[in-house]
């Protein structure tokens, strides 16, 4: 259908990397989101 001019329903979704980490202040296990696994391994700041 892409060869007949039919498009997706929307624009890009996101492919990310979730990592579980321990929050330094509370000690609770939290989720950090990175743009990719490579970004996580490279020490990029996570959301």
ModelCIF file with pLDDT and N, C-alpha, C, O atoms, coordinates in Angstrom:
data_MODEL
#
_entry.id   MODEL 
#
_entity.id                         1 
_entity.type                       polymer 
_entity.pdbx_number_of_molecules   1 
#
_entity_poly.entity_id                      1 
_entity_poly.type                           'polypeptide(L)' 
_entity_poly.nstd_linkage                   no 
_entity_poly.nstd_monomer                   no 
_entity_poly.pdbx_seq_one_letter_code       
;(UNK)(UNK)(UNK)(UNK)(UNK)(UNK)(UNK)(UNK)(UNK)(UNK)(UNK)(UNK)(UNK)(UNK)(UNK)(UNK)
(UNK)(UNK)(UNK)(UNK)(UNK)(UNK)(UNK)(UNK)(UNK)(UNK)(UNK)(UNK)(UNK)(UNK)(UNK)(UNK)
(UNK)(UNK)(UNK)(UNK)(UNK)(UNK)(UNK)(UNK)(UNK)(UNK)(UNK)(UNK)(UNK)(UNK)(UNK)
;
_entity_poly.pdbx_seq_one_letter_code_can   XXXXXXXXXXXXXXXXXXXXXXXXXXXXXXXXXXXXXXXXXXXXXXX 
_entity_poly.pdbx_strand_id                 A 
#
loop_
_entity_poly_seq.entity_id 
_entity_poly_seq.num 
_entity_poly_seq.mon_id 
_entity_poly_seq.hetero 
1 1  UNK n 
1 2  UNK n 
1 3  UNK n 
1 4  UNK n 
1 5  UNK n 
1 6  UNK n 
1 7  UNK n 
1 8  UNK n 
1 9  UNK n 
1 10 UNK n 
1 11 UNK n 
1 12 UNK n 
1 13 UNK n 
1 14 UNK n 
1 15 UNK n 
1 16 UNK n 
1 17 UNK n 
1 18 UNK n 
1 19 UNK n 
1 20 UNK n 
1 21 UNK n 
1 22 UNK n 
1 23 UNK n 
1 24 UNK n 
1 25 UNK n 
1 26 UNK n 
1 27 UNK n 
1 28 UNK n 
1 29 UNK n 
1 30 UNK n 
1 31 UNK n 
1 32 UNK n 
1 33 UNK n 
1 34 UNK n 
1 35 UNK n 
1 36 UNK n 
1 37 UNK n 
1 38 UNK n 
1 39 UNK n 
1 40 UNK n 
1 41 UNK n 
1 42 UNK n 
1 43 UNK n 
1 44 UNK n 
1 45 UNK n 
1 46 UNK n 
1 47 UNK n 
#
_struct_asym.id          A 
_struct_asym.entity_id   1 
#
loop_
_ma_qa_metric.id 
_ma_qa_metric.mode 
_ma_qa_metric.name 
_ma_qa_metric.software_group_id 
_ma_qa_metric.type 
1 global pLDDT . pLDDT 
2 local  pLDDT . pLDDT 
#
_ma_qa_metric_global.metric_id      1 
_ma_qa_metric_global.metric_value   94.04 
_ma_qa_metric_global.model_id       1 
_ma_qa_metric_global.ordinal_id     1 
#
loop_
_ma_qa_metric_local.label_asym_id 
_ma_qa_metric_local.label_comp_id 
_ma_qa_metric_local.label_seq_id 
_ma_qa_metric_local.metric_id 
_ma_qa_metric_local.metric_value 
_ma_qa_metric_local.model_id 
_ma_qa_metric_local.ordinal_id 
A UNK 1  2 98.00 1 1  
A UNK 2  2 98.00 1 2  
A UNK 3  2 98.00 1 3  
A UNK 4  2 97.00 1 4  
A UNK 5  2 97.00 1 5  
A UNK 6  2 98.00 1 6  
A UNK 7  2 98.00 1 7  
A UNK 8  2 97.00 1 8  
A UNK 9  2 98.00 1 9  
A UNK 10 2 97.00 1 10 
A UNK 11 2 90.00 1 11 
A UNK 12 2 85.00 1 12 
A UNK 13 2 93.00 1 13 
A UNK 14 2 92.00 1 14 
A UNK 15 2 94.00 1 15 
A UNK 16 2 96.00 1 16 
A UNK 17 2 96.00 1 17 
A UNK 18 2 95.00 1 18 
A UNK 19 2 95.00 1 19 
A UNK 20 2 94.00 1 20 
A UNK 21 2 93.00 1 21 
A UNK 22 2 91.00 1 22 
A UNK 23 2 87.00 1 23 
A UNK 24 2 85.00 1 24 
A UNK 25 2 88.00 1 25 
A UNK 26 2 88.00 1 26 
A UNK 27 2 87.00 1 27 
A UNK 28 2 88.00 1 28 
A UNK 29 2 90.00 1 29 
A UNK 30 2 92.00 1 30 
A UNK 31 2 94.00 1 31 
A UNK 32 2 95.00 1 32 
A UNK 33 2 96.00 1 33 
A UNK 34 2 97.00 1 34 
A UNK 35 2 96.00 1 35 
A UNK 36 2 96.00 1 36 
A UNK 37 2 96.00 1 37 
A UNK 38 2 97.00 1 38 
A UNK 39 2 97.00 1 39 
A UNK 40 2 96.00 1 40 
A UNK 41 2 96.00 1 41 
A UNK 42 2 96.00 1 42 
A UNK 43 2 95.00 1 43 
A UNK 44 2 96.00 1 44 
A UNK 45 2 93.00 1 45 
A UNK 46 2 94.00 1 46 
A UNK 47 2 95.00 1 47 
#
loop_
_atom_site.group_PDB 
_atom_site.id 
_atom_site.type_symbol 
_atom_site.label_atom_id 
_atom_site.label_alt_id 
_atom_site.label_comp_id 
_atom_site.label_asym_id 
_atom_site.label_entity_id 
_atom_site.label_seq_id 
_atom_site.pdbx_PDB_ins_code 
_atom_site.Cartn_x 
_atom_site.Cartn_y 
_atom_site.Cartn_z 
_atom_site.occupancy 
_atom_site.B_iso_or_equiv 
_atom_site.pdbx_formal_charge 
_atom_site.auth_seq_id 
_atom_site.auth_comp_id 
_atom_site.auth_asym_id 
_atom_site.auth_atom_id 
_atom_site.pdbx_PDB_model_num 
ATOM 1   N N  . UNK A 1 1  ? 0.823  -1.205 0.000  1.00 98.00 ? 1  UNK A N  1 
ATOM 2   C CA . UNK A 1 1  ? 0.000  0.000  0.000  1.00 98.00 ? 1  UNK A CA 1 
ATOM 3   C C  . UNK A 1 1  ? 0.859  1.257  0.000  1.00 98.00 ? 1  UNK A C  1 
ATOM 4   O O  . UNK A 1 1  ? 0.434  2.295  -0.507 1.00 98.00 ? 1  UNK A O  1 
ATOM 5   N N  . UNK A 1 2  ? 2.070  1.176  0.567  1.00 98.00 ? 2  UNK A N  1 
ATOM 6   C CA . UNK A 1 2  ? 2.993  2.313  0.454  1.00 98.00 ? 2  UNK A CA 1 
ATOM 7   C C  . UNK A 1 2  ? 3.366  2.576  -1.000 1.00 98.00 ? 2  UNK A C  1 
ATOM 8   O O  . UNK A 1 2  ? 3.728  3.702  -1.341 1.00 98.00 ? 2  UNK A O  1 
ATOM 9   N N  . UNK A 1 3  ? 3.287  1.562  -1.871 1.00 98.00 ? 3  UNK A N  1 
ATOM 10  C CA . UNK A 1 3  ? 3.598  1.761  -3.288 1.00 98.00 ? 3  UNK A CA 1 
ATOM 11  C C  . UNK A 1 3  ? 2.420  2.368  -4.043 1.00 98.00 ? 3  UNK A C  1 
ATOM 12  O O  . UNK A 1 3  ? 2.520  2.658  -5.235 1.00 98.00 ? 3  UNK A O  1 
ATOM 13  N N  . UNK A 1 4  ? 1.311  2.557  -3.348 1.00 97.00 ? 4  UNK A N  1 
ATOM 14  C CA . UNK A 1 4  ? 0.106  3.156  -3.934 1.00 97.00 ? 4  UNK A CA 1 
ATOM 15  C C  . UNK A 1 4  ? -0.253 4.447  -3.208 1.00 97.00 ? 4  UNK A C  1 
ATOM 16  O O  . UNK A 1 4  ? -1.420 4.832  -3.145 1.00 97.00 ? 4  UNK A O  1 
ATOM 17  N N  . UNK A 1 5  ? 0.771  5.114  -2.656 1.00 97.00 ? 5  UNK A N  1 
ATOM 18  C CA . UNK A 1 5  ? 0.607  6.441  -2.064 1.00 97.00 ? 5  UNK A CA 1 
ATOM 19  C C  . UNK A 1 5  ? -0.104 6.453  -0.716 1.00 97.00 ? 5  UNK A C  1 
ATOM 20  O O  . UNK A 1 5  ? -0.573 7.511  -0.297 1.00 97.00 ? 5  UNK A O  1 
ATOM 21  N N  . UNK A 1 6  ? -0.204 5.331  -0.025 1.00 98.00 ? 6  UNK A N  1 
ATOM 22  C CA . UNK A 1 6  ? -0.881 5.307  1.275  1.00 98.00 ? 6  UNK A CA 1 
ATOM 23  C C  . UNK A 1 6  ? 0.159  5.476  2.383  1.00 98.00 ? 6  UNK A C  1 
ATOM 24  O O  . UNK A 1 6  ? 1.196  4.814  2.382  1.00 98.00 ? 6  UNK A O  1 
ATOM 25  N N  . UNK A 1 7  ? -0.132 6.363  3.315  1.00 98.00 ? 7  UNK A N  1 
ATOM 26  C CA . UNK A 1 7  ? 0.798  6.756  4.366  1.00 98.00 ? 7  UNK A CA 1 
ATOM 27  C C  . UNK A 1 7  ? 0.436  6.118  5.701  1.00 98.00 ? 7  UNK A C  1 
ATOM 28  O O  . UNK A 1 7  ? -0.637 5.537  5.857  1.00 98.00 ? 7  UNK A O  1 
ATOM 29  N N  . UNK A 1 8  ? 1.355  6.237  6.667  1.00 97.00 ? 8  UNK A N  1 
ATOM 30  C CA . UNK A 1 8  ? 1.065  5.825  8.035  1.00 97.00 ? 8  UNK A CA 1 
ATOM 31  C C  . UNK A 1 8  ? 0.021  6.755  8.652  1.00 97.00 ? 8  UNK A C  1 
ATOM 32  O O  . UNK A 1 8  ? -0.291 7.813  8.106  1.00 97.00 ? 8  UNK A O  1 
ATOM 33  N N  . UNK A 1 9  ? -0.509 6.339  9.795  1.00 98.00 ? 9  UNK A N  1 
ATOM 34  C CA . UNK A 1 9  ? -1.518 7.140  10.496 1.00 98.00 ? 9  UNK A CA 1 
ATOM 35  C C  . UNK A 1 9  ? -0.928 8.346  11.210 1.00 98.00 ? 9  UNK A C  1 
ATOM 36  O O  . UNK A 1 9  ? -1.660 9.250  11.612 1.00 98.00 ? 9  UNK A O  1 
ATOM 37  N N  . UNK A 1 10 ? 0.380  8.366  11.370 1.00 97.00 ? 10 UNK A N  1 
ATOM 38  C CA . UNK A 1 10 ? 1.004  9.484  12.067 1.00 97.00 ? 10 UNK A CA 1 
ATOM 39  C C  . UNK A 1 10 ? 2.485  9.504  11.800 1.00 97.00 ? 10 UNK A C  1 
ATOM 40  O O  . UNK A 1 10 ? 3.005  8.733  10.994 1.00 97.00 ? 10 UNK A O  1 
ATOM 41  N N  . UNK A 1 11 ? 3.142  10.387 12.481 1.00 90.00 ? 11 UNK A N  1 
ATOM 42  C CA . UNK A 1 11 ? 4.583  10.532 12.307 1.00 90.00 ? 11 UNK A CA 1 
ATOM 43  C C  . UNK A 1 11 ? 5.303  9.551  13.223 1.00 90.00 ? 11 UNK A C  1 
ATOM 44  O O  . UNK A 1 11 ? 4.688  8.637  13.773 1.00 90.00 ? 11 UNK A O  1 
ATOM 45  N N  . UNK A 1 12 ? 6.577  9.741  13.379 1.00 85.00 ? 12 UNK A N  1 
ATOM 46  C CA . UNK A 1 12 ? 7.403  8.744  14.052 1.00 85.00 ? 12 UNK A CA 1 
ATOM 47  C C  . UNK A 1 12 ? 7.016  8.562  15.520 1.00 85.00 ? 12 UNK A C  1 
ATOM 48  O O  . UNK A 1 12 ? 6.780  9.526  16.247 1.00 85.00 ? 12 UNK A O  1 
ATOM 49  N N  . UNK A 1 13 ? 6.962  7.304  15.924 1.00 93.00 ? 13 UNK A N  1 
ATOM 50  C CA . UNK A 1 13 ? 6.931  6.979  17.338 1.00 93.00 ? 13 UNK A CA 1 
ATOM 51  C C  . UNK A 1 13 ? 8.392  6.908  17.815 1.00 93.00 ? 13 UNK A C  1 
ATOM 52  O O  . UNK A 1 13 ? 9.296  7.296  17.075 1.00 93.00 ? 13 UNK A O  1 
ATOM 53  N N  . UNK A 1 14 ? 8.625  6.430  19.007 1.00 92.00 ? 14 UNK A N  1 
ATOM 54  C CA . UNK A 1 14 ? 9.986  6.471  19.561 1.00 92.00 ? 14 UNK A CA 1 
ATOM 55  C C  . UNK A 1 14 ? 10.459 5.077  19.948 1.00 92.00 ? 14 UNK A C  1 
ATOM 56  O O  . UNK A 1 14 ? 9.699  4.280  20.499 1.00 92.00 ? 14 UNK A O  1 
ATOM 57  N N  . UNK A 1 15 ? 11.718 4.796  19.654 1.00 94.00 ? 15 UNK A N  1 
ATOM 58  C CA . UNK A 1 15 ? 12.372 3.569  20.107 1.00 94.00 ? 15 UNK A CA 1 
ATOM 59  C C  . UNK A 1 15 ? 13.419 3.986  21.128 1.00 94.00 ? 15 UNK A C  1 
ATOM 60  O O  . UNK A 1 15 ? 14.374 4.684  20.787 1.00 94.00 ? 15 UNK A O  1 
ATOM 61  N N  . UNK A 1 16 ? 13.248 3.562  22.381 1.00 96.00 ? 16 UNK A N  1 
ATOM 62  C CA . UNK A 1 16 ? 14.096 4.038  23.477 1.00 96.00 ? 16 UNK A CA 1 
ATOM 63  C C  . UNK A 1 16 ? 14.611 2.843  24.283 1.00 96.00 ? 16 UNK A C  1 
ATOM 64  O O  . UNK A 1 16 ? 14.266 1.690  24.025 1.00 96.00 ? 16 UNK A O  1 
ATOM 65  N N  . UNK A 1 17 ? 15.444 3.167  25.262 1.00 96.00 ? 17 UNK A N  1 
ATOM 66  C CA . UNK A 1 17 ? 15.989 2.148  26.168 1.00 96.00 ? 17 UNK A CA 1 
ATOM 67  C C  . UNK A 1 17 ? 15.599 2.517  27.588 1.00 96.00 ? 17 UNK A C  1 
ATOM 68  O O  . UNK A 1 17 ? 15.904 3.612  28.060 1.00 96.00 ? 17 UNK A O  1 
ATOM 69  N N  . UNK A 1 18 ? 14.912 1.584  28.276 1.00 95.00 ? 18 UNK A N  1 
ATOM 70  C CA . UNK A 1 18 ? 14.595 1.773  29.688 1.00 95.00 ? 18 UNK A CA 1 
ATOM 71  C C  . UNK A 1 18 ? 15.604 1.026  30.534 1.00 95.00 ? 18 UNK A C  1 
ATOM 72  O O  . UNK A 1 18 ? 15.960 -0.115 30.240 1.00 95.00 ? 18 UNK A O  1 
ATOM 73  N N  . UNK A 1 19 ? 16.059 1.680  31.583 1.00 95.00 ? 19 UNK A N  1 
ATOM 74  C CA . UNK A 1 19 ? 16.988 1.064  32.520 1.00 95.00 ? 19 UNK A CA 1 
ATOM 75  C C  . UNK A 1 19 ? 16.486 1.304  33.940 1.00 95.00 ? 19 UNK A C  1 
ATOM 76  O O  . UNK A 1 19 ? 16.104 2.420  34.291 1.00 95.00 ? 19 UNK A O  1 
ATOM 77  N N  . UNK A 1 20 ? 16.491 0.246  34.754 1.00 94.00 ? 20 UNK A N  1 
ATOM 78  C CA . UNK A 1 20 ? 16.107 0.411  36.151 1.00 94.00 ? 20 UNK A CA 1 
ATOM 79  C C  . UNK A 1 20 ? 17.335 0.771  36.967 1.00 94.00 ? 20 UNK A C  1 
ATOM 80  O O  . UNK A 1 20 ? 18.383 0.136  36.854 1.00 94.00 ? 20 UNK A O  1 
ATOM 81  N N  . UNK A 1 21 ? 17.188 1.798  37.789 1.00 93.00 ? 21 UNK A N  1 
ATOM 82  C CA . UNK A 1 21 ? 18.293 2.305  38.603 1.00 93.00 ? 21 UNK A CA 1 
ATOM 83  C C  . UNK A 1 21 ? 17.796 2.586  40.013 1.00 93.00 ? 21 UNK A C  1 
ATOM 84  O O  . UNK A 1 21 ? 16.590 2.665  40.247 1.00 93.00 ? 21 UNK A O  1 
ATOM 85  N N  . UNK A 1 22 ? 18.704 2.734  40.932 1.00 91.00 ? 22 UNK A N  1 
ATOM 86  C CA . UNK A 1 22 ? 18.350 3.055  42.311 1.00 91.00 ? 22 UNK A CA 1 
ATOM 87  C C  . UNK A 1 22 ? 18.476 4.557  42.507 1.00 91.00 ? 22 UNK A C  1 
ATOM 88  O O  . UNK A 1 22 ? 19.526 5.145  42.249 1.00 91.00 ? 22 UNK A O  1 
ATOM 89  N N  . UNK A 1 23 ? 17.388 5.170  42.969 1.00 87.00 ? 23 UNK A N  1 
ATOM 90  C CA . UNK A 1 23 ? 17.400 6.599  43.236 1.00 87.00 ? 23 UNK A CA 1 
ATOM 91  C C  . UNK A 1 23 ? 18.298 6.896  44.428 1.00 87.00 ? 23 UNK A C  1 
ATOM 92  O O  . UNK A 1 23 ? 18.141 6.306  45.497 1.00 87.00 ? 23 UNK A O  1 
ATOM 93  N N  . UNK A 1 24 ? 19.239 7.815  44.238 1.00 85.00 ? 24 UNK A N  1 
ATOM 94  C CA . UNK A 1 24 ? 20.228 8.097  45.270 1.00 85.00 ? 24 UNK A CA 1 
ATOM 95  C C  . UNK A 1 24 ? 19.586 8.657  46.535 1.00 85.00 ? 24 UNK A C  1 
ATOM 96  O O  . UNK A 1 24 ? 20.056 8.391  47.642 1.00 85.00 ? 24 UNK A O  1 
ATOM 97  N N  . UNK A 1 25 ? 18.515 9.433  46.376 1.00 88.00 ? 25 UNK A N  1 
ATOM 98  C CA . UNK A 1 25 ? 17.913 10.085 47.537 1.00 88.00 ? 25 UNK A CA 1 
ATOM 99  C C  . UNK A 1 25 ? 16.999 9.150  48.315 1.00 88.00 ? 25 UNK A C  1 
ATOM 100 O O  . UNK A 1 25 ? 17.092 9.077  49.540 1.00 88.00 ? 25 UNK A O  1 
ATOM 101 N N  . UNK A 1 26 ? 16.118 8.434  47.622 1.00 88.00 ? 26 UNK A N  1 
ATOM 102 C CA . UNK A 1 26 ? 15.109 7.624  48.307 1.00 88.00 ? 26 UNK A CA 1 
ATOM 103 C C  . UNK A 1 26 ? 15.477 6.151  48.410 1.00 88.00 ? 26 UNK A C  1 
ATOM 104 O O  . UNK A 1 26 ? 14.931 5.430  49.245 1.00 88.00 ? 26 UNK A O  1 
ATOM 105 N N  . UNK A 1 27 ? 16.403 5.700  47.564 1.00 87.00 ? 27 UNK A N  1 
ATOM 106 C CA . UNK A 1 27 ? 16.758 4.288  47.545 1.00 87.00 ? 27 UNK A CA 1 
ATOM 107 C C  . UNK A 1 27 ? 15.779 3.428  46.769 1.00 87.00 ? 27 UNK A C  1 
ATOM 108 O O  . UNK A 1 27 ? 15.964 2.216  46.665 1.00 87.00 ? 27 UNK A O  1 
ATOM 109 N N  . UNK A 1 28 ? 14.733 4.047  46.219 1.00 88.00 ? 28 UNK A N  1 
ATOM 110 C CA . UNK A 1 28 ? 13.728 3.303  45.464 1.00 88.00 ? 28 UNK A CA 1 
ATOM 111 C C  . UNK A 1 28 ? 14.248 2.969  44.068 1.00 88.00 ? 28 UNK A C  1 
ATOM 112 O O  . UNK A 1 28 ? 15.109 3.666  43.530 1.00 88.00 ? 28 UNK A O  1 
ATOM 113 N N  . UNK A 1 29 ? 13.718 1.904  43.495 1.00 90.00 ? 29 UNK A N  1 
ATOM 114 C CA . UNK A 1 29 ? 14.057 1.533  42.119 1.00 90.00 ? 29 UNK A CA 1 
ATOM 115 C C  . UNK A 1 29 ? 13.209 2.359  41.164 1.00 90.00 ? 29 UNK A C  1 
ATOM 116 O O  . UNK A 1 29 ? 11.983 2.377  41.272 1.00 90.00 ? 29 UNK A O  1 
ATOM 117 N N  . UNK A 1 30 ? 13.861 3.040  40.231 1.00 92.00 ? 30 UNK A N  1 
ATOM 118 C CA . UNK A 1 30 ? 13.170 3.938  39.311 1.00 92.00 ? 30 UNK A CA 1 
ATOM 119 C C  . UNK A 1 30 ? 13.546 3.589  37.870 1.00 92.00 ? 30 UNK A C  1 
ATOM 120 O O  . UNK A 1 30 ? 14.484 2.833  37.619 1.00 92.00 ? 30 UNK A O  1 
ATOM 121 N N  . UNK A 1 31 ? 12.789 4.159  36.934 1.00 94.00 ? 31 UNK A N  1 
ATOM 122 C CA . UNK A 1 31 ? 13.067 3.982  35.510 1.00 94.00 ? 31 UNK A CA 1 
ATOM 123 C C  . UNK A 1 31 ? 13.768 5.220  34.956 1.00 94.00 ? 31 UNK A C  1 
ATOM 124 O O  . UNK A 1 31 ? 13.349 6.350  35.208 1.00 94.00 ? 31 UNK A O  1 
ATOM 125 N N  . UNK A 1 32 ? 14.828 4.992  34.206 1.00 95.00 ? 32 UNK A N  1 
ATOM 126 C CA . UNK A 1 32 ? 15.453 6.043  33.422 1.00 95.00 ? 32 UNK A CA 1 
ATOM 127 C C  . UNK A 1 32 ? 15.288 5.689  31.946 1.00 95.00 ? 32 UNK A C  1 
ATOM 128 O O  . UNK A 1 32 ? 15.422 4.530  31.554 1.00 95.00 ? 32 UNK A O  1 
ATOM 129 N N  . UNK A 1 33 ? 14.999 6.696  31.142 1.00 96.00 ? 33 UNK A N  1 
ATOM 130 C CA . UNK A 1 33 ? 14.788 6.480  29.711 1.00 96.00 ? 33 UNK A CA 1 
ATOM 131 C C  . UNK A 1 33 ? 15.927 7.121  28.927 1.00 96.00 ? 33 UNK A C  1 
ATOM 132 O O  . UNK A 1 33 ? 16.258 8.288  29.137 1.00 96.00 ? 33 UNK A O  1 
ATOM 133 N N  . UNK A 1 34 ? 16.523 6.349  28.024 1.00 97.00 ? 34 UNK A N  1 
ATOM 134 C CA . UNK A 1 34 ? 17.637 6.802  27.195 1.00 97.00 ? 34 UNK A CA 1 
ATOM 135 C C  . UNK A 1 34 ? 17.256 6.676  25.729 1.00 97.00 ? 34 UNK A C  1 
ATOM 136 O O  . UNK A 1 34 ? 16.394 5.870  25.377 1.00 97.00 ? 34 UNK A O  1 
ATOM 137 N N  . UNK A 1 35 ? 17.882 7.456  24.887 1.00 96.00 ? 35 UNK A N  1 
ATOM 138 C CA . UNK A 1 35 ? 17.565 7.420  23.461 1.00 96.00 ? 35 UNK A CA 1 
ATOM 139 C C  . UNK A 1 35 ? 17.939 6.091  22.832 1.00 96.00 ? 35 UNK A C  1 
ATOM 140 O O  . UNK A 1 35 ? 17.371 5.717  21.806 1.00 96.00 ? 35 UNK A O  1 
ATOM 141 N N  . UNK A 1 36 ? 18.886 5.365  23.425 1.00 96.00 ? 36 UNK A N  1 
ATOM 142 C CA . UNK A 1 36 ? 19.297 4.049  22.928 1.00 96.00 ? 36 UNK A CA 1 
ATOM 143 C C  . UNK A 1 36 ? 20.116 3.357  24.011 1.00 96.00 ? 36 UNK A C  1 
ATOM 144 O O  . UNK A 1 36 ? 20.517 3.981  24.994 1.00 96.00 ? 36 UNK A O  1 
ATOM 145 N N  . UNK A 1 37 ? 20.356 2.080  23.825 1.00 96.00 ? 37 UNK A N  1 
ATOM 146 C CA . UNK A 1 37 ? 21.209 1.342  24.761 1.00 96.00 ? 37 UNK A CA 1 
ATOM 147 C C  . UNK A 1 37 ? 22.632 1.876  24.704 1.00 96.00 ? 37 UNK A C  1 
ATOM 148 O O  . UNK A 1 37 ? 23.310 1.957  25.728 1.00 96.00 ? 37 UNK A O  1 
ATOM 149 N N  . UNK A 1 38 ? 23.085 2.241  23.507 1.00 97.00 ? 38 UNK A N  1 
ATOM 150 C CA . UNK A 1 38 ? 24.438 2.799  23.371 1.00 97.00 ? 38 UNK A CA 1 
ATOM 151 C C  . UNK A 1 38 ? 24.574 4.096  24.156 1.00 97.00 ? 38 UNK A C  1 
ATOM 152 O O  . UNK A 1 38 ? 25.616 4.360  24.756 1.00 97.00 ? 38 UNK A O  1 
ATOM 153 N N  . UNK A 1 39 ? 23.507 4.911  24.149 1.00 97.00 ? 39 UNK A N  1 
ATOM 154 C CA . UNK A 1 39 ? 23.548 6.162  24.916 1.00 97.00 ? 39 UNK A CA 1 
ATOM 155 C C  . UNK A 1 39 ? 23.663 5.875  26.406 1.00 97.00 ? 39 UNK A C  1 
ATOM 156 O O  . UNK A 1 39 ? 24.391 6.565  27.121 1.00 97.00 ? 39 UNK A O  1 
ATOM 157 N N  . UNK A 1 40 ? 22.946 4.859  26.873 1.00 96.00 ? 40 UNK A N  1 
ATOM 158 C CA . UNK A 1 40 ? 23.046 4.458  28.274 1.00 96.00 ? 40 UNK A CA 1 
ATOM 159 C C  . UNK A 1 40 ? 24.462 3.996  28.610 1.00 96.00 ? 40 UNK A C  1 
ATOM 160 O O  . UNK A 1 40 ? 25.029 4.408  29.622 1.00 96.00 ? 40 UNK A O  1 
ATOM 161 N N  . UNK A 1 41 ? 25.026 3.144  27.766 1.00 96.00 ? 41 UNK A N  1 
ATOM 162 C CA . UNK A 1 41 ? 26.369 2.618  28.024 1.00 96.00 ? 41 UNK A CA 1 
ATOM 163 C C  . UNK A 1 41 ? 27.425 3.712  27.962 1.00 96.00 ? 41 UNK A C  1 
ATOM 164 O O  . UNK A 1 41 ? 28.470 3.618  28.606 1.00 96.00 ? 41 UNK A O  1 
ATOM 165 N N  . UNK A 1 42 ? 27.140 4.760  27.174 1.00 96.00 ? 42 UNK A N  1 
ATOM 166 C CA . UNK A 1 42 ? 28.097 5.856  27.045 1.00 96.00 ? 42 UNK A CA 1 
ATOM 167 C C  . UNK A 1 42 ? 27.981 6.856  28.191 1.00 96.00 ? 42 UNK A C  1 
ATOM 168 O O  . UNK A 1 42 ? 28.744 7.821  28.244 1.00 96.00 ? 42 UNK A O  1 
ATOM 169 N N  . UNK A 1 43 ? 27.044 6.642  29.103 1.00 95.00 ? 43 UNK A N  1 
ATOM 170 C CA . UNK A 1 43 ? 26.904 7.531  30.247 1.00 95.00 ? 43 UNK A CA 1 
ATOM 171 C C  . UNK A 1 43 ? 26.096 8.781  29.989 1.00 95.00 ? 43 UNK A C  1 
ATOM 172 O O  . UNK A 1 43 ? 26.210 9.755  30.733 1.00 95.00 ? 43 UNK A O  1 
ATOM 173 N N  . UNK A 1 44 ? 25.273 8.771  28.938 1.00 96.00 ? 44 UNK A N  1 
ATOM 174 C CA . UNK A 1 44 ? 24.436 9.935  28.658 1.00 96.00 ? 44 UNK A CA 1 
ATOM 175 C C  . UNK A 1 44 ? 23.401 10.108 29.771 1.00 96.00 ? 44 UNK A C  1 
ATOM 176 O O  . UNK A 1 44 ? 22.988 9.125  30.387 1.00 96.00 ? 44 UNK A O  1 
ATOM 177 N N  . UNK A 1 45 ? 22.981 11.343 30.034 1.00 93.00 ? 45 UNK A N  1 
ATOM 178 C CA . UNK A 1 45 ? 21.967 11.538 31.074 1.00 93.00 ? 45 UNK A CA 1 
ATOM 179 C C  . UNK A 1 45 ? 20.630 10.968 30.634 1.00 93.00 ? 45 UNK A C  1 
ATOM 180 O O  . UNK A 1 45 ? 20.196 11.208 29.507 1.00 93.00 ? 45 UNK A O  1 
ATOM 181 N N  . UNK A 1 46 ? 19.977 10.220 31.502 1.00 94.00 ? 46 UNK A N  1 
ATOM 182 C CA . UNK A 1 46 ? 18.682 9.637  31.188 1.00 94.00 ? 46 UNK A CA 1 
ATOM 183 C C  . UNK A 1 46 ? 17.550 10.488 31.733 1.00 94.00 ? 46 UNK A C  1 
ATOM 184 O O  . UNK A 1 46 ? 17.740 11.291 32.646 1.00 94.00 ? 46 UNK A O  1 
ATOM 185 N N  . UNK A 1 47 ? 16.366 10.302 31.158 1.00 95.00 ? 47 UNK A N  1 
ATOM 186 C CA . UNK A 1 47 ? 15.168 10.992 31.618 1.00 95.00 ? 47 UNK A CA 1 
ATOM 187 C C  . UNK A 1 47 ? 14.468 10.122 32.651 1.00 95.00 ? 47 UNK A C  1 
ATOM 188 O O  . UNK A 1 47 ? 13.426 10.509 33.179 1.00 95.00 ? 47 UNK A O  1 
#
